[in-house]
């Protein structure tokens, strides 16, 4: 896969598929998985906050089709008696 150039990174950022600076693109499945891994590494090294990692993970999870797990309270709301 060819890495995106500066113009494509800016376009991805406008579309909400990358950070505002064009970093961590999540336009394809492979890039989404890589963005999650790189974000985790950056947090571990202290270059990124957990909140910023959460935003990247959420964007990547949307691309990967993963949903947030429901808590036990949310599951009980779905049950009717």
Foldseek 3Di string as FASTA:
>chain_A
DDDDDQVVLCVQCVVVQAPNNSPQGQPALVSLVVSLVVLVVCVVVPNDDPVVSVSSNVSSCVRVVDDDDDDPVVVVVPDDD
